[in-house]
Amino acid sequence: MTRSERVGLIVHPAAGRGEEAIREILPVLLATIKAETIFIVTGTLEAEIAEEMGIRFTPVELPFSCDFSGITSASDVMISRGVDTIVGVGGDGTLCAIANSIIAHGGKARLIGIGAGSSNVGPLVTIRGEDLKKLDLEHLSEQAIHGVVVTVNKAFKGIAFNDVTFSNIFFGTKDGKRVDLDAYAIFDGVRREVEPHSVCGETTKVYKNGRLMIDASV
């Protein structure tokens, strides 16, 4: 991978084991990034730690929230300011939000995913947070990742990589158990249990790699 000169850093401070674990990851990560310019949202945990370490960065001024829209907004601004790489720290959902922003902007930036969530099973995770000391940004290779793209009237609406939901239900973990959760609430960091129900109509069909998986008419 060519050297990244303009890097954006986006962190979900409540991912996985929470802020304490993220505080352990960030100093190692910030010391690893050797970019000419680092973009960081002001008022965030990553901005606080960068200042403590004496690392100069270009501030991104905007209200930041850890939900899907907040993460994509931060990514949108960084891409508009010309970053060539975004380093995301969080779980699969955080990295997916950043990827959605990158694709919506025509793939103008690369994504390096630092897994700090509770699962970290998705293809966007470059390396887990606890293995950061092994990361060498100068010798990474670029890799295309396949996903399921959703469009409405040819307009891009989103892309999914490891969790594809055809309703408002997401199969995840709560209190150590695998349960059905509200997919919309997940974006806001809330794990709310819900009862599963069918979203299929009489003619609904679902194909995977050309193979018919669901046929509601049968």
C-alpha atoms as a PDB file:
ATOM      1  CA  MET A   1       0.000   0.000   0.000  1.00  0.00           C
ATOM      2  CA  THR A   2       1.288   3.467  -0.835  1.00  0.00           C
ATOM      3  CA  ARG A   3       2.117   5.719   2.092  1.00  0.00           C
ATOM      4  CA  SER A   4      -0.877   7.533   3.566  1.00  0.00           C
ATOM      5  CA  GLU A   5      -0.238  11.275   3.703  1.00  0.00           C
ATOM      6  CA  ARG A   6      -3.648  12.453   4.930  1.00  0.00           C
ATOM      7  CA  VAL A   7      -5.222  10.144   7.509  1.00  0.00           C
ATOM      8  CA  GLY A   8      -8.530  10.506   9.306  1.00  0.00           C
ATOM      9  CA  LEU A   9      -9.009   8.820  12.700  1.00  0.00           C
ATOM     10  CA  ILE A  10     -12.506   7.880  13.878  1.00  0.00           C
ATOM     11  CA  VAL A  11     -13.023   6.056  17.181  1.00  0.00           C
ATOM     12  CA  HIS A  12     -16.088   4.556  18.862  1.00  0.00           C
ATOM     13  CA  PRO A  13     -15.170   5.033  22.554  1.00  0.00           C
ATOM     14  CA  ALA A  14     -17.845   2.657  23.851  1.00  0.00           C
ATOM     15  CA  ALA A  15     -17.027  -0.280  21.567  1.00  0.00           C
ATOM     16  CA  GLY A  16     -16.300  -3.696  23.054  1.00  0.00           C
ATOM     17  CA  ARG A  17     -14.907  -3.424  26.583  1.00  0.00           C
ATOM     18  CA  GLY A  18     -15.499   0.326  26.590  1.00  0.00           C
ATOM     19  CA  GLU A  19     -13.428   3.455  27.074  1.00  0.00           C
ATOM     20  CA  GLU A  20     -10.821   1.872  29.333  1.00  0.00           C
ATOM     21  CA  ALA A  21      -9.825  -0.606  26.615  1.00  0.00           C
ATOM     22  CA  ILE A  22      -9.891   2.113  23.936  1.00  0.00           C
ATOM     23  CA  ARG A  23      -7.540   4.228  26.071  1.00  0.00           C
ATOM     24  CA  GLU A  24      -5.051   1.359  25.968  1.00  0.00           C
ATOM     25  CA  ILE A  25      -5.310   1.052  22.193  1.00  0.00           C
ATOM     26  CA  LEU A  26      -5.088   4.696  21.138  1.00  0.00           C
ATOM     27  CA  PRO A  27      -1.552   5.589  22.329  1.00  0.00           C
ATOM     28  CA  VAL A  28      -0.144   2.588  20.447  1.00  0.00           C
ATOM     29  CA  LEU A  29      -2.158   3.447  17.341  1.00  0.00           C
ATOM     30  CA  LEU A  30      -1.297   7.155  17.350  1.00  0.00           C
ATOM     31  CA  ALA A  31       2.397   6.329  17.669  1.00  0.00           C
ATOM     32  CA  THR A  32       2.044   4.029  14.647  1.00  0.00           C
ATOM     33  CA  ILE A  33       0.435   6.541  12.271  1.00  0.00           C
ATOM     34  CA  LYS A  34       3.197   8.274  10.301  1.00  0.00           C
ATOM     35  CA  ALA A  35       1.141  10.608   8.129  1.00  0.00           C
ATOM     36  CA  GLU A  36       1.836  14.178   7.099  1.00  0.00           C
ATOM     37  CA  THR A  37      -1.619  15.219   8.306  1.00  0.00           C
ATOM     38  CA  ILE A  38      -3.949  13.519  10.799  1.00  0.00           C
ATOM     39  CA  PHE A  39      -7.590  14.611  10.964  1.00  0.00           C
ATOM     40  CA  ILE A  40      -9.369  14.139  14.303  1.00  0.00           C
ATOM     41  CA  VAL A  41     -12.779  15.334  15.476  1.00  0.00           C
ATOM     42  CA  THR A  42     -12.400  17.825  18.322  1.00  0.00           C
ATOM     43  CA  GLY A  43     -13.771  16.997  21.758  1.00  0.00           C
ATOM     44  CA  THR A  44     -13.323  13.256  21.266  1.00  0.00           C
ATOM     45  CA  LEU A  45     -11.288  10.738  23.234  1.00  0.00           C
ATOM     46  CA  GLU A  46      -8.791  10.415  20.383  1.00  0.00           C
ATOM     47  CA  ALA A  47      -8.302  14.194  20.326  1.00  0.00           C
ATOM     48  CA  GLU A  48      -7.714  14.198  24.087  1.00  0.00           C
ATOM     49  CA  ILE A  49      -5.079  11.465  23.919  1.00  0.00           C
ATOM     50  CA  ALA A  50      -3.363  12.992  20.879  1.00  0.00           C
ATOM     51  CA  GLU A  51      -3.033  16.268  22.790  1.00  0.00           C
ATOM     52  CA  GLU A  52      -1.653  14.443  25.842  1.00  0.00           C
ATOM     53  CA  MET A  53       0.966  12.779  23.610  1.00  0.00           C
ATOM     54  CA  GLY A  54       1.900  16.060  21.964  1.00  0.00           C
ATOM     55  CA  ILE A  55       0.775  14.843  18.538  1.00  0.00           C
ATOM     56  CA  ARG A  56      -0.231  17.626  16.168  1.00  0.00           C
ATOM     57  CA  PHE A  57      -3.430  17.051  14.221  1.00  0.00           C
ATOM     58  CA  THR A  58      -5.844  18.932  12.009  1.00  0.00           C
ATOM     59  CA  PRO A  59      -9.063  19.499  13.969  1.00  0.00           C
ATOM     60  CA  VAL A  60     -12.417  18.573  12.465  1.00  0.00           C
ATOM     61  CA  GLU A  61     -15.064  20.774  14.022  1.00  0.00           C
ATOM     62  CA  LEU A  62     -18.463  19.094  14.192  1.00  0.00           C
ATOM     63  CA  PRO A  63     -20.759  17.638  16.857  1.00  0.00           C
ATOM     64  CA  PHE A  64     -19.831  13.953  17.140  1.00  0.00           C
ATOM     65  CA  SER A  65     -22.051  11.077  18.217  1.00  0.00           C
ATOM     66  CA  CYS A  66     -21.237   7.368  18.269  1.00  0.00           C
ATOM     67  CA  ASP A  67     -24.288   6.264  16.295  1.00  0.00           C
ATOM     68  CA  PHE A  68     -24.321   5.363  12.601  1.00  0.00           C
ATOM     69  CA  SER A  69     -25.157   8.875  11.401  1.00  0.00           C
ATOM     70  CA  GLY A  70     -22.525  10.488  13.630  1.00  0.00           C
ATOM     71  CA  ILE A  71     -19.767   8.197  12.392  1.00  0.00           C
ATOM     72  CA  THR A  72     -20.730   8.607   8.735  1.00  0.00           C
ATOM     73  CA  SER A  73     -20.900  12.395   9.172  1.00  0.00           C
ATOM     74  CA  ALA A  74     -17.355  12.479  10.555  1.00  0.00           C
ATOM     75  CA  SER A  75     -16.172  10.293   7.690  1.00  0.00           C
ATOM     76  CA  ASP A  76     -18.012  12.463   5.147  1.00  0.00           C
ATOM     77  CA  VAL A  77     -16.250  15.602   6.372  1.00  0.00           C
ATOM     78  CA  MET A  78     -12.820  13.958   6.395  1.00  0.00           C
ATOM     79  CA  ILE A  79     -13.259  12.648   2.855  1.00  0.00           C
ATOM     80  CA  SER A  80     -14.392  16.083   1.681  1.00  0.00           C
ATOM     81  CA  ARG A  81     -11.152  17.465   3.144  1.00  0.00           C
ATOM     82  CA  GLY A  82      -9.078  15.060   1.093  1.00  0.00           C
ATOM     83  CA  VAL A  83      -8.034  12.204   3.385  1.00  0.00           C
ATOM     84  CA  ASP A  84      -6.612   9.223   1.509  1.00  0.00           C
ATOM     85  CA  THR A  85      -7.074   6.781   4.408  1.00  0.00           C
ATOM     86  CA  ILE A  86      -9.470   6.531   7.345  1.00  0.00           C
ATOM     87  CA  VAL A  87      -8.444   4.512  10.389  1.00  0.00           C
ATOM     88  CA  GLY A  88     -11.525   3.310  12.234  1.00  0.00           C
ATOM     89  CA  VAL A  89     -11.433   1.937  15.783  1.00  0.00           C
ATOM     90  CA  GLY A  90     -14.517   0.062  16.919  1.00  0.00           C
ATOM     91  CA  GLY A  91     -16.678  -2.925  16.162  1.00  0.00           C
ATOM     92  CA  ASP A  92     -18.096  -4.251  12.910  1.00  0.00           C
ATOM     93  CA  GLY A  93     -20.879  -1.643  12.939  1.00  0.00           C
ATOM     94  CA  THR A  94     -18.458   1.268  13.310  1.00  0.00           C
ATOM     95  CA  LEU A  95     -16.323   0.071  10.413  1.00  0.00           C
ATOM     96  CA  CYS A  96     -19.390  -0.568   8.261  1.00  0.00           C
ATOM     97  CA  ALA A  97     -20.576   3.012   8.857  1.00  0.00           C
ATOM     98  CA  ILE A  98     -17.221   4.374   7.688  1.00  0.00           C
ATOM     99  CA  ALA A  99     -17.241   2.052   4.665  1.00  0.00           C
ATOM    100  CA  ASN A 100     -20.715   3.279   3.712  1.00  0.00           C
ATOM    101  CA  SER A 101     -19.413   6.844   3.713  1.00  0.00           C
ATOM    102  CA  ILE A 102     -16.359   5.921   1.639  1.00  0.00           C
ATOM    103  CA  ILE A 103     -18.466   4.138  -0.978  1.00  0.00           C
ATOM    104  CA  ALA A 104     -21.014   6.969  -1.080  1.00  0.00           C
ATOM    105  CA  HIS A 105     -18.096   9.252  -2.025  1.00  0.00           C
ATOM    106  CA  GLY A 106     -16.940   7.021  -4.853  1.00  0.00           C
ATOM    107  CA  GLY A 107     -14.301   5.056  -2.952  1.00  0.00           C
ATOM    108  CA  LYS A 108     -11.972   8.040  -2.625  1.00  0.00           C
ATOM    109  CA  ALA A 109     -10.364   6.770   0.586  1.00  0.00           C
ATOM    110  CA  ARG A 110      -9.073   3.497   2.017  1.00  0.00           C
ATOM    111  CA  LEU A 111     -10.168   1.989   5.314  1.00  0.00           C
ATOM    112  CA  ILE A 112      -7.957   0.435   7.968  1.00  0.00           C
ATOM    113  CA  GLY A 113     -10.142  -1.267  10.568  1.00  0.00           C
ATOM    114  CA  ILE A 114      -8.922  -1.706  14.143  1.00  0.00           C
ATOM    115  CA  GLY A 115     -11.211  -4.252  15.796  1.00  0.00           C
ATOM    116  CA  ALA A 116     -12.212  -3.105  19.266  1.00  0.00           C
ATOM    117  CA  GLY A 117     -15.786  -4.377  19.400  1.00  0.00           C
ATOM    118  CA  SER A 118     -17.392  -7.378  21.052  1.00  0.00           C
ATOM    119  CA  SER A 119     -17.357  -9.554  17.922  1.00  0.00           C
ATOM    120  CA  ASN A 120     -14.909  -8.225  15.291  1.00  0.00           C
ATOM    121  CA  VAL A 121     -15.829 -10.992  12.863  1.00  0.00           C
ATOM    122  CA  GLY A 122     -16.404  -8.868   9.772  1.00  0.00           C
ATOM    123  CA  PRO A 123     -14.057  -8.573   6.783  1.00  0.00           C
ATOM    124  CA  LEU A 124     -13.382  -4.883   7.468  1.00  0.00           C
ATOM    125  CA  VAL A 125     -11.258  -5.671  10.530  1.00  0.00           C
ATOM    126  CA  THR A 126      -7.600  -5.295   9.522  1.00  0.00           C
ATOM    127  CA  ILE A 127      -6.242  -6.168  12.950  1.00  0.00           C
ATOM    128  CA  ARG A 128      -7.607  -6.554  16.479  1.00  0.00           C
ATOM    129  CA  GLY A 129      -6.803  -3.854  18.978  1.00  0.00           C
ATOM    130  CA  GLU A 130      -4.773  -6.119  21.251  1.00  0.00           C
ATOM    131  CA  ASP A 131      -2.477  -6.976  18.326  1.00  0.00           C
ATOM    132  CA  LEU A 132      -1.730  -3.368  17.351  1.00  0.00           C
ATOM    133  CA  LYS A 133       1.962  -3.604  18.179  1.00  0.00           C
ATOM    134  CA  LYS A 134       2.294  -5.991  15.226  1.00  0.00           C
ATOM    135  CA  LEU A 135       0.783  -3.450  12.807  1.00  0.00           C
ATOM    136  CA  ASP A 136       3.086  -1.951  10.174  1.00  0.00           C
ATOM    137  CA  LEU A 137       1.123   0.619   8.180  1.00  0.00           C
ATOM    138  CA  GLU A 138       3.929   0.947   5.646  1.00  0.00           C
ATOM    139  CA  HIS A 139       3.644  -2.686   4.537  1.00  0.00           C
ATOM    140  CA  LEU A 140      -0.092  -3.281   4.328  1.00  0.00           C
ATOM    141  CA  SER A 141      -1.559  -4.489   1.043  1.00  0.00           C
ATOM    142  CA  GLU A 142      -4.810  -3.148  -0.363  1.00  0.00           C
ATOM    143  CA  GLN A 143      -7.681  -5.604  -0.626  1.00  0.00           C
ATOM    144  CA  ALA A 144     -11.116  -5.246  -2.206  1.00  0.00           C
ATOM    145  CA  ILE A 145     -13.982  -6.353   0.051  1.00  0.00           C
ATOM    146  CA  HIS A 146     -17.258  -7.700  -1.316  1.00  0.00           C
ATOM    147  CA  GLY A 147     -20.522  -6.510   0.163  1.00  0.00           C
ATOM    148  CA  VAL A 148     -24.256  -6.384  -0.496  1.00  0.00           C
ATOM    149  CA  VAL A 149     -25.153  -2.995  -1.981  1.00  0.00           C
ATOM    150  CA  VAL A 150     -28.642  -1.546  -1.548  1.00  0.00           C
ATOM    151  CA  THR A 151     -29.921   0.954  -4.113  1.00  0.00           C
ATOM    152  CA  VAL A 152     -33.308   2.597  -4.585  1.00  0.00           C
ATOM    153  CA  ASN A 153     -33.988   3.873  -8.098  1.00  0.00           C
ATOM    154  CA  LYS A 154     -30.247   3.479  -8.751  1.00  0.00           C
ATOM    155  CA  ALA A 155     -29.394   5.754  -5.809  1.00  0.00           C
ATOM    156  CA  PHE A 156     -26.926   4.273  -3.294  1.00  0.00           C
ATOM    157  CA  LYS A 157     -28.522   3.642   0.100  1.00  0.00           C
ATOM    158  CA  GLY A 158     -26.031   1.446   1.899  1.00  0.00           C
ATOM    159  CA  ILE A 159     -23.819  -1.612   1.911  1.00  0.00           C
ATOM    160  CA  ALA A 160     -23.541  -4.573   4.281  1.00  0.00           C
ATOM    161  CA  PHE A 161     -20.580  -6.890   4.739  1.00  0.00           C
ATOM    162  CA  ASN A 162     -21.193  -9.526   7.401  1.00  0.00           C
ATOM    163  CA  ASP A 163     -24.657  -8.703   8.769  1.00  0.00           C
ATOM    164  CA  VAL A 164     -27.440  -8.442   6.189  1.00  0.00           C
ATOM    165  CA  THR A 165     -30.861  -7.660   7.656  1.00  0.00           C
ATOM    166  CA  PHE A 166     -34.079  -7.709   5.632  1.00  0.00           C
ATOM    167  CA  SER A 167     -36.147  -6.358   8.514  1.00  0.00           C
ATOM    168  CA  ASN A 168     -35.634  -4.473  11.751  1.00  0.00           C
ATOM    169  CA  ILE A 169     -34.177  -7.550  13.473  1.00  0.00           C
ATOM    170  CA  PHE A 170     -30.498  -8.255  14.057  1.00  0.00           C
ATOM    171  CA  PHE A 171     -29.162 -11.518  15.520  1.00  0.00           C
ATOM    172  CA  GLY A 172     -26.572 -10.517  18.089  1.00  0.00           C
ATOM    173  CA  THR A 173     -25.269 -10.924  21.626  1.00  0.00           C
ATOM    174  CA  LYS A 174     -26.727  -9.535  24.855  1.00  0.00           C
ATOM    175  CA  ASP A 175     -25.514 -10.478  28.323  1.00  0.00           C
ATOM    176  CA  GLY A 176     -23.552 -13.351  26.798  1.00  0.00           C
ATOM    177  CA  LYS A 177     -26.567 -14.839  24.997  1.00  0.00           C
ATOM    178  CA  ARG A 178     -27.410 -14.908  21.270  1.00  0.00           C
ATOM    179  CA  VAL A 179     -30.755 -13.144  20.869  1.00  0.00           C
ATOM    180  CA  ASP A 180     -32.852 -11.201  18.345  1.00  0.00           C
ATOM    181  CA  LEU A 181     -32.196  -7.465  18.642  1.00  0.00           C
ATOM    182  CA  ASP A 182     -33.684  -4.288  17.200  1.00  0.00           C
ATOM    183  CA  ALA A 183     -31.437  -3.445  14.213  1.00  0.00           C
ATOM    184  CA  TYR A 184     -32.219   0.281  14.351  1.00  0.00           C
ATOM    185  CA  ALA A 185     -31.421   0.464  18.072  1.00  0.00           C
ATOM    186  CA  ILE A 186     -28.028  -1.154  17.383  1.00  0.00           C
ATOM    187  CA  PHE A 187     -27.003   1.944  15.424  1.00  0.00           C
ATOM    188  CA  ASP A 188     -27.608   3.981  18.595  1.00  0.00           C
ATOM    189  CA  GLY A 189     -25.622   1.593  20.764  1.00  0.00           C
ATOM    190  CA  VAL A 190     -28.713   0.045  22.392  1.00  0.00           C
ATOM    191  CA  ARG A 191     -29.207  -3.744  22.477  1.00  0.00           C
ATOM    192  CA  ARG A 192     -32.992  -4.057  22.679  1.00  0.00           C
ATOM    193  CA  GLU A 193     -34.520  -7.541  22.402  1.00  0.00           C
ATOM    194  CA  VAL A 194     -37.432  -7.993  19.990  1.00  0.00           C
ATOM    195  CA  GLU A 195     -39.631 -10.849  18.786  1.00  0.00           C
ATOM    196  CA  PRO A 196     -38.829 -12.082  15.249  1.00  0.00           C
ATOM    197  CA  HIS A 197     -41.508 -11.861  12.584  1.00  0.00           C
ATOM    198  CA  SER A 198     -41.678 -12.481   8.849  1.00  0.00           C
ATOM    199  CA  VAL A 199     -41.197  -9.566   6.449  1.00  0.00           C
ATOM    200  CA  CYS A 200     -41.836 -11.685   3.343  1.00  0.00           C
ATOM    201  CA  GLY A 201     -44.717 -11.034   1.011  1.00  0.00           C
ATOM    202  CA  GLU A 202     -46.421 -13.734  -1.027  1.00  0.00           C
ATOM    203  CA  THR A 203     -43.956 -13.347  -3.904  1.00  0.00           C
ATOM    204  CA  THR A 204     -40.748 -12.614  -1.967  1.00  0.00           C
ATOM    205  CA  LYS A 205     -37.621 -14.418  -3.149  1.00  0.00           C
ATOM    206  CA  VAL A 206     -34.086 -14.150  -1.773  1.00  0.00           C
ATOM    207  CA  TYR A 207     -31.048 -15.285  -3.765  1.00  0.00           C
ATOM    208  CA  LYS A 208     -27.470 -15.744  -2.566  1.00  0.00           C
ATOM    209  CA  ASN A 209     -24.774 -15.962  -5.246  1.00  0.00           C
ATOM    210  CA  GLY A 210     -27.470 -16.858  -7.754  1.00  0.00           C
ATOM    211  CA  ARG A 211     -28.926 -19.624  -5.592  1.00  0.00           C
ATOM    212  CA  LEU A 212     -32.526 -19.376  -4.418  1.00  0.00           C
ATOM    213  CA  MET A 213     -32.518 -19.324  -0.602  1.00  0.00           C
ATOM    214  CA  ILE A 214     -36.077 -18.200   0.217  1.00  0.00           C
ATOM    215  CA  ASP A 215     -39.238 -18.546  -1.874  1.00  0.00           C
ATOM    216  CA  ALA A 216     -42.316 -17.350   0.006  1.00  0.00           C
ATOM    217  CA  SER A 217     -44.649 -18.636  -2.715  1.00  0.00           C
ATOM    218  CA  VAL A 218     -43.815 -22.268  -1.944  1.00  0.00           C
END
